[in-house]
């Protein structure tokens, strides 16, 4: 699913703490994985989630919902 270097990338939480993606909750990890797939990961790291347009955020949310539905069927 994810490569090790991706999981080791550090993100800055709202409180300013830097943590590797692997230490986030699985739901949070999925958000970052999808952002990476859509080519938005670097912008999120540099500017934060607020830098995304409503369309980009909605796309991430839609893919998360799809994955949850797919997982539920399995």
PDB file of N, CA and C in Angstrom:
ATOM      1  N   UNK A   1       0.827  -1.181   0.000  1.00  0.00           N
ATOM      2  CA  UNK A   1       0.000   0.000   0.000  1.00  0.00           C
ATOM      3  C   UNK A   1       0.881   1.257   0.000  1.00  0.00           C
ATOM      4  N   UNK A   2       1.637   1.508   1.070  1.00  0.00           N
ATOM      5  CA  UNK A   2       2.517   2.669   1.141  1.00  0.00           C
ATOM      6  C   UNK A   2       3.960   2.195   1.120  1.00  0.00           C
ATOM      7  N   UNK A   3       4.829   3.025   0.585  1.00  0.00           N
ATOM      8  CA  UNK A   3       6.242   2.689   0.689  1.00  0.00           C
ATOM      9  C   UNK A   3       6.778   3.231   2.013  1.00  0.00           C
ATOM     10  N   UNK A   4       7.823   2.645   2.490  1.00  0.00           N
ATOM     11  CA  UNK A   4       8.376   3.000   3.801  1.00  0.00           C
ATOM     12  C   UNK A   4       8.810   4.460   3.878  1.00  0.00           C
ATOM     13  N   UNK A   5       9.357   4.993   2.789  1.00  0.00           N
ATOM     14  CA  UNK A   5       9.810   6.384   2.841  1.00  0.00           C
ATOM     15  C   UNK A   5       8.632   7.334   3.008  1.00  0.00           C
ATOM     16  N   UNK A   6       7.473   6.985   2.436  1.00  0.00           N
ATOM     17  CA  UNK A   6       6.287   7.814   2.602  1.00  0.00           C
ATOM     18  C   UNK A   6       5.850   7.814   4.063  1.00  0.00           C
ATOM     19  N   UNK A   7       5.813   6.643   4.684  1.00  0.00           N
ATOM     20  CA  UNK A   7       5.377   6.536   6.078  1.00  0.00           C
ATOM     21  C   UNK A   7       6.324   7.247   7.040  1.00  0.00           C
ATOM     22  N   UNK A   8       7.580   7.400   6.648  1.00  0.00           N
ATOM     23  CA  UNK A   8       8.562   8.069   7.500  1.00  0.00           C
ATOM     24  C   UNK A   8       8.568   9.592   7.334  1.00  0.00           C
ATOM     25  N   UNK A   9       7.876  10.103   6.293  1.00  0.00           N
ATOM     26  CA  UNK A   9       7.807  11.557   6.100  1.00  0.00           C
ATOM     27  C   UNK A   9       7.116  12.185   7.294  1.00  0.00           C
ATOM     28  N   UNK A  10       7.629  13.293   7.739  1.00  0.00           N
ATOM     29  CA  UNK A  10       7.050  13.956   8.908  1.00  0.00           C
ATOM     30  C   UNK A  10       6.093  15.051   8.469  1.00  0.00           C
ATOM     31  N   UNK A  11       5.017  15.149   9.220  1.00  0.00           N
ATOM     32  CA  UNK A  11       4.048  16.212   9.005  1.00  0.00           C
ATOM     33  C   UNK A  11       3.990  17.030  10.297  1.00  0.00           C
ATOM     34  N   UNK A  12       3.538  18.253  10.181  1.00  0.00           N
ATOM     35  CA  UNK A  12       3.418  19.106  11.360  1.00  0.00           C
ATOM     36  C   UNK A  12       1.955  19.149  11.771  1.00  0.00           C
ATOM     37  N   UNK A  13       1.702  18.743  13.004  1.00  0.00           N
ATOM     38  CA  UNK A  13       0.338  18.774  13.529  1.00  0.00           C
ATOM     39  C   UNK A  13      -0.023  20.205  13.914  1.00  0.00           C
ATOM     40  N   UNK A  14      -1.302  20.438  14.220  1.00  0.00           N
ATOM     41  CA  UNK A  14      -1.761  21.788  14.563  1.00  0.00           C
ATOM     42  C   UNK A  14      -1.010  22.372  15.754  1.00  0.00           C
ATOM     43  N   UNK A  15      -0.587  21.513  16.683  1.00  0.00           N
ATOM     44  CA  UNK A  15       0.120  22.006  17.859  1.00  0.00           C
ATOM     45  C   UNK A  15       1.608  22.270  17.586  1.00  0.00           C
ATOM     46  N   UNK A  16       2.031  22.098  16.325  1.00  0.00           N
ATOM     47  CA  UNK A  16       3.410  22.358  15.945  1.00  0.00           C
ATOM     48  C   UNK A  16       4.322  21.151  16.051  1.00  0.00           C
ATOM     49  N   UNK A  17       3.811  20.068  16.613  1.00  0.00           N
ATOM     50  CA  UNK A  17       4.604  18.853  16.769  1.00  0.00           C
ATOM     51  C   UNK A  17       4.791  18.169  15.412  1.00  0.00           C
ATOM     52  N   UNK A  18       6.005  17.706  15.166  1.00  0.00           N
ATOM     53  CA  UNK A  18       6.279  16.974  13.928  1.00  0.00           C
ATOM     54  C   UNK A  18       6.265  15.479  14.222  1.00  0.00           C
ATOM     55  N   UNK A  19       5.466  14.746  13.445  1.00  0.00           N
ATOM     56  CA  UNK A  19       5.365  13.304  13.636  1.00  0.00           C
ATOM     57  C   UNK A  19       5.408  12.609  12.281  1.00  0.00           C
ATOM     58  N   UNK A  20       5.964  11.386  12.251  1.00  0.00           N
ATOM     59  CA  UNK A  20       5.932  10.625  11.000  1.00  0.00           C
ATOM     60  C   UNK A  20       4.503  10.182  10.691  1.00  0.00           C
ATOM     61  N   UNK A  21       4.187  10.052   9.439  1.00  0.00           N
ATOM     62  CA  UNK A  21       2.847   9.641   9.024  1.00  0.00           C
ATOM     63  C   UNK A  21       2.473   8.308   9.656  1.00  0.00           C
ATOM     64  N   UNK A  22       3.438   7.412   9.840  1.00  0.00           N
ATOM     65  CA  UNK A  22       3.137   6.093  10.407  1.00  0.00           C
ATOM     66  C   UNK A  22       2.559   6.170  11.822  1.00  0.00           C
ATOM     67  N   UNK A  23       2.763   7.270  12.519  1.00  0.00           N
ATOM     68  CA  UNK A  23       2.257   7.417  13.888  1.00  0.00           C
ATOM     69  C   UNK A  23       0.853   8.021  13.946  1.00  0.00           C
ATOM     70  N   UNK A  24       0.313   8.396  12.790  1.00  0.00           N
ATOM     71  CA  UNK A  24      -1.040   8.922  12.744  1.00  0.00           C
ATOM     72  C   UNK A  24      -2.055   7.789  12.775  1.00  0.00           C
ATOM     73  N   UNK A  25      -3.303   8.133  13.085  1.00  0.00           N
ATOM     74  CA  UNK A  25      -4.380   7.148  13.039  1.00  0.00           C
ATOM     75  C   UNK A  25      -4.532   6.670  11.596  1.00  0.00           C
ATOM     76  N   UNK A  26      -4.984   5.433  11.393  1.00  0.00           N
ATOM     77  CA  UNK A  26      -5.148   4.919  10.023  1.00  0.00           C
ATOM     78  C   UNK A  26      -6.017   5.823   9.136  1.00  0.00           C
ATOM     79  N   UNK A  27      -7.060   6.437   9.717  1.00  0.00           N
ATOM     80  CA  UNK A  27      -7.917   7.321   8.923  1.00  0.00           C
ATOM     81  C   UNK A  27      -7.132   8.528   8.407  1.00  0.00           C
ATOM     82  N   UNK A  28      -6.241   9.041   9.236  1.00  0.00           N
ATOM     83  CA  UNK A  28      -5.416  10.178   8.832  1.00  0.00           C
ATOM     84  C   UNK A  28      -4.395   9.753   7.778  1.00  0.00           C
ATOM     85  N   UNK A  29      -3.828   8.567   7.947  1.00  0.00           N
ATOM     86  CA  UNK A  29      -2.864   8.060   6.975  1.00  0.00           C
ATOM     87  C   UNK A  29      -3.488   7.959   5.595  1.00  0.00           C
ATOM     88  N   UNK A  30      -4.739   7.522   5.533  1.00  0.00           N
ATOM     89  CA  UNK A  30      -5.435   7.380   4.255  1.00  0.00           C
ATOM     90  C   UNK A  30      -5.573   8.739   3.573  1.00  0.00           C
ATOM     91  N   UNK A  31      -5.877   9.787   4.345  1.00  0.00           N
ATOM     92  CA  UNK A  31      -5.988  11.124   3.762  1.00  0.00           C
ATOM     93  C   UNK A  31      -4.678  11.530   3.083  1.00  0.00           C
ATOM     94  N   UNK A  32      -3.583  11.291   3.765  1.00  0.00           N
ATOM     95  CA  UNK A  32      -2.284  11.656   3.188  1.00  0.00           C
ATOM     96  C   UNK A  32      -1.949  10.786   1.981  1.00  0.00           C
ATOM     97  N   UNK A  33      -2.309   9.508   2.027  1.00  0.00           N
ATOM     98  CA  UNK A  33      -2.058   8.616   0.890  1.00  0.00           C
ATOM     99  C   UNK A  33      -2.815   9.112  -0.340  1.00  0.00           C
ATOM    100  N   UNK A  34      -4.075   9.453  -0.172  1.00  0.00           N
ATOM    101  CA  UNK A  34      -4.882   9.933  -1.292  1.00  0.00           C
ATOM    102  C   UNK A  34      -4.333  11.255  -1.813  1.00  0.00           C
ATOM    103  N   UNK A  35      -3.956  12.140  -0.910  1.00  0.00           N
ATOM    104  CA  UNK A  35      -3.371  13.419  -1.321  1.00  0.00           C
ATOM    105  C   UNK A  35      -2.110  13.181  -2.153  1.00  0.00           C
ATOM    106  N   UNK A  36      -1.329  12.198  -1.769  1.00  0.00           N
ATOM    107  CA  UNK A  36      -0.118  11.870  -2.526  1.00  0.00           C
ATOM    108  C   UNK A  36      -0.490  11.366  -3.917  1.00  0.00           C
ATOM    109  N   UNK A  37      -1.488  10.481  -3.988  1.00  0.00           N
ATOM    110  CA  UNK A  37      -1.928   9.940  -5.271  1.00  0.00           C
ATOM    111  C   UNK A  37      -2.434  11.040  -6.204  1.00  0.00           C
ATOM    112  N   UNK A  38      -3.068  12.055  -5.641  1.00  0.00           N
ATOM    113  CA  UNK A  38      -3.620  13.156  -6.439  1.00  0.00           C
ATOM    114  C   UNK A  38      -2.598  14.257  -6.715  1.00  0.00           C
ATOM    115  N   UNK A  39      -1.389  14.114  -6.183  1.00  0.00           N
ATOM    116  CA  UNK A  39      -0.346  15.108  -6.406  1.00  0.00           C
ATOM    117  C   UNK A  39      -0.488  16.348  -5.533  1.00  0.00           C
ATOM    118  N   UNK A  40      -1.197  16.221  -4.425  1.00  0.00           N
ATOM    119  CA  UNK A  40      -1.440  17.364  -3.545  1.00  0.00           C
ATOM    120  C   UNK A  40      -0.607  17.323  -2.264  1.00  0.00           C
ATOM    121  N   UNK A  41       0.086  16.232  -2.032  1.00  0.00           N
ATOM    122  CA  UNK A  41       0.793  16.010  -0.771  1.00  0.00           C
ATOM    123  C   UNK A  41       1.804  17.121  -0.460  1.00  0.00           C
ATOM    124  N   UNK A  42       2.640  17.457  -1.420  1.00  0.00           N
ATOM    125  CA  UNK A  42       3.678  18.468  -1.169  1.00  0.00           C
ATOM    126  C   UNK A  42       3.069  19.826  -0.817  1.00  0.00           C
ATOM    127  N   UNK A  43       1.984  20.190  -1.486  1.00  0.00           N
ATOM    128  CA  UNK A  43       1.332  21.467  -1.180  1.00  0.00           C
ATOM    129  C   UNK A  43       0.745  21.445   0.230  1.00  0.00           C
ATOM    130  N   UNK A  44       0.177  20.305   0.630  1.00  0.00           N
ATOM    131  CA  UNK A  44      -0.383  20.185   1.977  1.00  0.00           C
ATOM    132  C   UNK A  44       0.719  20.317   3.017  1.00  0.00           C
ATOM    133  N   UNK A  45       1.853  19.680   2.772  1.00  0.00           N
ATOM    134  CA  UNK A  45       2.982  19.760   3.705  1.00  0.00           C
ATOM    135  C   UNK A  45       3.490  21.200   3.813  1.00  0.00           C
ATOM    136  N   UNK A  46       3.593  21.888   2.681  1.00  0.00           N
ATOM    137  CA  UNK A  46       4.128  23.247   2.670  1.00  0.00           C
ATOM    138  C   UNK A  46       3.143  24.283   3.200  1.00  0.00           C
ATOM    139  N   UNK A  47       1.854  24.167   2.790  1.00  0.00           N
ATOM    140  CA  UNK A  47       0.896  25.232   3.076  1.00  0.00           C
ATOM    141  C   UNK A  47      -0.243  24.823   4.002  1.00  0.00           C
ATOM    142  N   UNK A  48      -0.401  23.549   4.258  1.00  0.00           N
ATOM    143  CA  UNK A  48      -1.478  23.068   5.118  1.00  0.00           C
ATOM    144  C   UNK A  48      -2.719  22.680   4.327  1.00  0.00           C
ATOM    145  N   UNK A  49      -3.645  22.018   5.013  1.00  0.00           N
ATOM    146  CA  UNK A  49      -4.875  21.550   4.368  1.00  0.00           C
ATOM    147  C   UNK A  49      -5.721  22.715   3.882  1.00  0.00           C
ATOM    148  N   UNK A  50      -5.623  23.856   4.525  1.00  0.00           N
ATOM    149  CA  UNK A  50      -6.405  25.024   4.143  1.00  0.00           C
ATOM    150  C   UNK A  50      -6.048  25.579   2.775  1.00  0.00           C
ATOM    151  N   UNK A  51      -4.923  25.176   2.231  1.00  0.00           N
ATOM    152  CA  UNK A  51      -4.495  25.663   0.923  1.00  0.00           C
ATOM    153  C   UNK A  51      -5.237  24.971  -0.220  1.00  0.00           C
ATOM    154  N   UNK A  52      -5.940  23.886   0.083  1.00  0.00           N
ATOM    155  CA  UNK A  52      -6.658  23.158  -0.960  1.00  0.00           C
ATOM    156  C   UNK A  52      -7.958  23.871  -1.308  1.00  0.00           C
ATOM    157  N   UNK A  53      -8.354  23.733  -2.557  1.00  0.00           N
ATOM    158  CA  UNK A  53      -9.652  24.270  -2.961  1.00  0.00           C
ATOM    159  C   UNK A  53     -10.746  23.339  -2.446  1.00  0.00           C
ATOM    160  N   UNK A  54     -11.970  23.818  -2.463  1.00  0.00           N
ATOM    161  CA  UNK A  54     -13.100  22.987  -2.044  1.00  0.00           C
ATOM    162  C   UNK A  54     -13.199  21.751  -2.924  1.00  0.00           C
ATOM    163  N   UNK A  55     -12.919  21.917  -4.185  1.00  0.00           N
ATOM    164  CA  UNK A  55     -12.975  20.798  -5.131  1.00  0.00           C
ATOM    165  C   UNK A  55     -11.932  19.732  -4.785  1.00  0.00           C
ATOM    166  N   UNK A  56     -10.722  20.172  -4.468  1.00  0.00           N
ATOM    167  CA  UNK A  56      -9.652  19.226  -4.119  1.00  0.00           C
ATOM    168  C   UNK A  56      -9.979  18.495  -2.821  1.00  0.00           C
ATOM    169  N   UNK A  57     -10.463  19.239  -1.834  1.00  0.00           N
ATOM    170  CA  UNK A  57     -10.839  18.610  -0.562  1.00  0.00           C
ATOM    171  C   UNK A  57     -11.986  17.624  -0.762  1.00  0.00           C
ATOM    172  N   UNK A  58     -12.955  18.024  -1.577  1.00  0.00           N
ATOM    173  CA  UNK A  58     -14.082  17.150  -1.866  1.00  0.00           C
ATOM    174  C   UNK A  58     -13.664  15.889  -2.577  1.00  0.00           C
ATOM    175  N   UNK A  59     -12.702  16.008  -3.457  1.00  0.00           N
ATOM    176  CA  UNK A  59     -12.181  14.837  -4.184  1.00  0.00           C
ATOM    177  C   UNK A  59     -11.557  13.851  -3.196  1.00  0.00           C
ATOM    178  N   UNK A  60     -10.770  14.353  -2.269  1.00  0.00           N
ATOM    179  CA  UNK A  60     -10.156  13.493  -1.253  1.00  0.00           C
ATOM    180  C   UNK A  60     -11.245  12.822  -0.419  1.00  0.00           C
ATOM    181  N   UNK A  61     -12.232  13.603   0.009  1.00  0.00           N
ATOM    182  CA  UNK A  61     -13.330  13.050   0.796  1.00  0.00           C
ATOM    183  C   UNK A  61     -14.111  11.993   0.033  1.00  0.00           C
ATOM    184  N   UNK A  62     -14.340  12.231  -1.244  1.00  0.00           N
ATOM    185  CA  UNK A  62     -15.062  11.268  -2.073  1.00  0.00           C
ATOM    186  C   UNK A  62     -14.317   9.956  -2.210  1.00  0.00           C
ATOM    187  N   UNK A  63     -13.007  10.032  -2.375  1.00  0.00           N
ATOM    188  CA  UNK A  63     -12.204   8.811  -2.505  1.00  0.00           C
ATOM    189  C   UNK A  63     -12.183   8.055  -1.181  1.00  0.00           C
ATOM    190  N   UNK A  64     -12.116   8.771  -0.069  1.00  0.00           N
ATOM    191  CA  UNK A  64     -12.158   8.123   1.247  1.00  0.00           C
ATOM    192  C   UNK A  64     -13.476   7.369   1.395  1.00  0.00           C
ATOM    193  N   UNK A  65     -14.571   8.014   1.007  1.00  0.00           N
ATOM    194  CA  UNK A  65     -15.886   7.382   1.101  1.00  0.00           C
ATOM    195  C   UNK A  65     -15.957   6.132   0.223  1.00  0.00           C
ATOM    196  N   UNK A  66     -15.409   6.215  -0.990  1.00  0.00           N
ATOM    197  CA  UNK A  66     -15.367   5.062  -1.891  1.00  0.00           C
ATOM    198  C   UNK A  66     -14.611   3.900  -1.255  1.00  0.00           C
ATOM    199  N   UNK A  67     -13.453   4.213  -0.684  1.00  0.00           N
ATOM    200  CA  UNK A  67     -12.630   3.168  -0.064  1.00  0.00           C
ATOM    201  C   UNK A  67     -13.344   2.517   1.111  1.00  0.00           C
ATOM    202  N   UNK A  68     -14.057   3.346   1.907  1.00  0.00           N
ATOM    203  CA  UNK A  68     -14.804   2.795   3.050  1.00  0.00           C
ATOM    204  C   UNK A  68     -15.906   1.871   2.564  1.00  0.00           C
ATOM    205  N   UNK A  69     -16.644   2.285   1.528  1.00  0.00           N
ATOM    206  CA  UNK A  69     -17.707   1.449   0.979  1.00  0.00           C
ATOM    207  C   UNK A  69     -17.154   0.142   0.436  1.00  0.00           C
ATOM    208  N   UNK A  70     -16.035   0.238  -0.276  1.00  0.00           N
ATOM    209  CA  UNK A  70     -15.406  -0.946  -0.852  1.00  0.00           C
ATOM    210  C   UNK A  70     -14.954  -1.907   0.255  1.00  0.00           C
ATOM    211  N   UNK A  71     -14.386  -1.350   1.306  1.00  0.00           N
ATOM    212  CA  UNK A  71     -13.912  -2.168   2.422  1.00  0.00           C
ATOM    213  C   UNK A  71     -15.087  -2.858   3.113  1.00  0.00           C
ATOM    214  N   UNK A  72     -16.202  -2.143   3.232  1.00  0.00           N
ATOM    215  CA  UNK A  72     -17.397  -2.688   3.880  1.00  0.00           C
ATOM    216  C   UNK A  72     -17.950  -3.897   3.095  1.00  0.00           C
ATOM    217  N   UNK A  73     -17.869  -3.817   1.748  1.00  0.00           N
ATOM    218  CA  UNK A  73     -18.367  -4.907   0.907  1.00  0.00           C
ATOM    219  C   UNK A  73     -17.508  -6.154   1.022  1.00  0.00           C
ATOM    220  N   UNK A  74     -16.228  -5.981   1.318  1.00  0.00           N
ATOM    221  CA  UNK A  74     -15.299  -7.126   1.374  1.00  0.00           C
ATOM    222  C   UNK A  74     -15.446  -7.923   2.633  1.00  0.00           C
TER     223      UNK A  74
END
